Amino acid sequence: MPQFFVTVWRFICRFLDKATQRKMRIVMSEEQKQEFIREVGEDVLPEEYGGRAKLVLLQDVAVNY
């Protein structure tokens, strides 16, 4: 991980609640990625992050009133 990101993250963390910090995940290795996919579930994780969910742009969503 680039040192710049680590420095920025350490600065930002100071302003986040501990509960919020625990929700954050930084995935750096293939093993961590597979663990993350197991925890979240492939069906809800977007394809670009290794899952199967298809993202729909908000402007493409039809709202029925």
Foldseek 3Di string as FASTA:
>chain_A
DDPVVVVVVVVVVVVDDPVVVVVDDDDDDPVSLVVVCVVVDQCPDDVVSPHDHDDDDPVRDDDDD
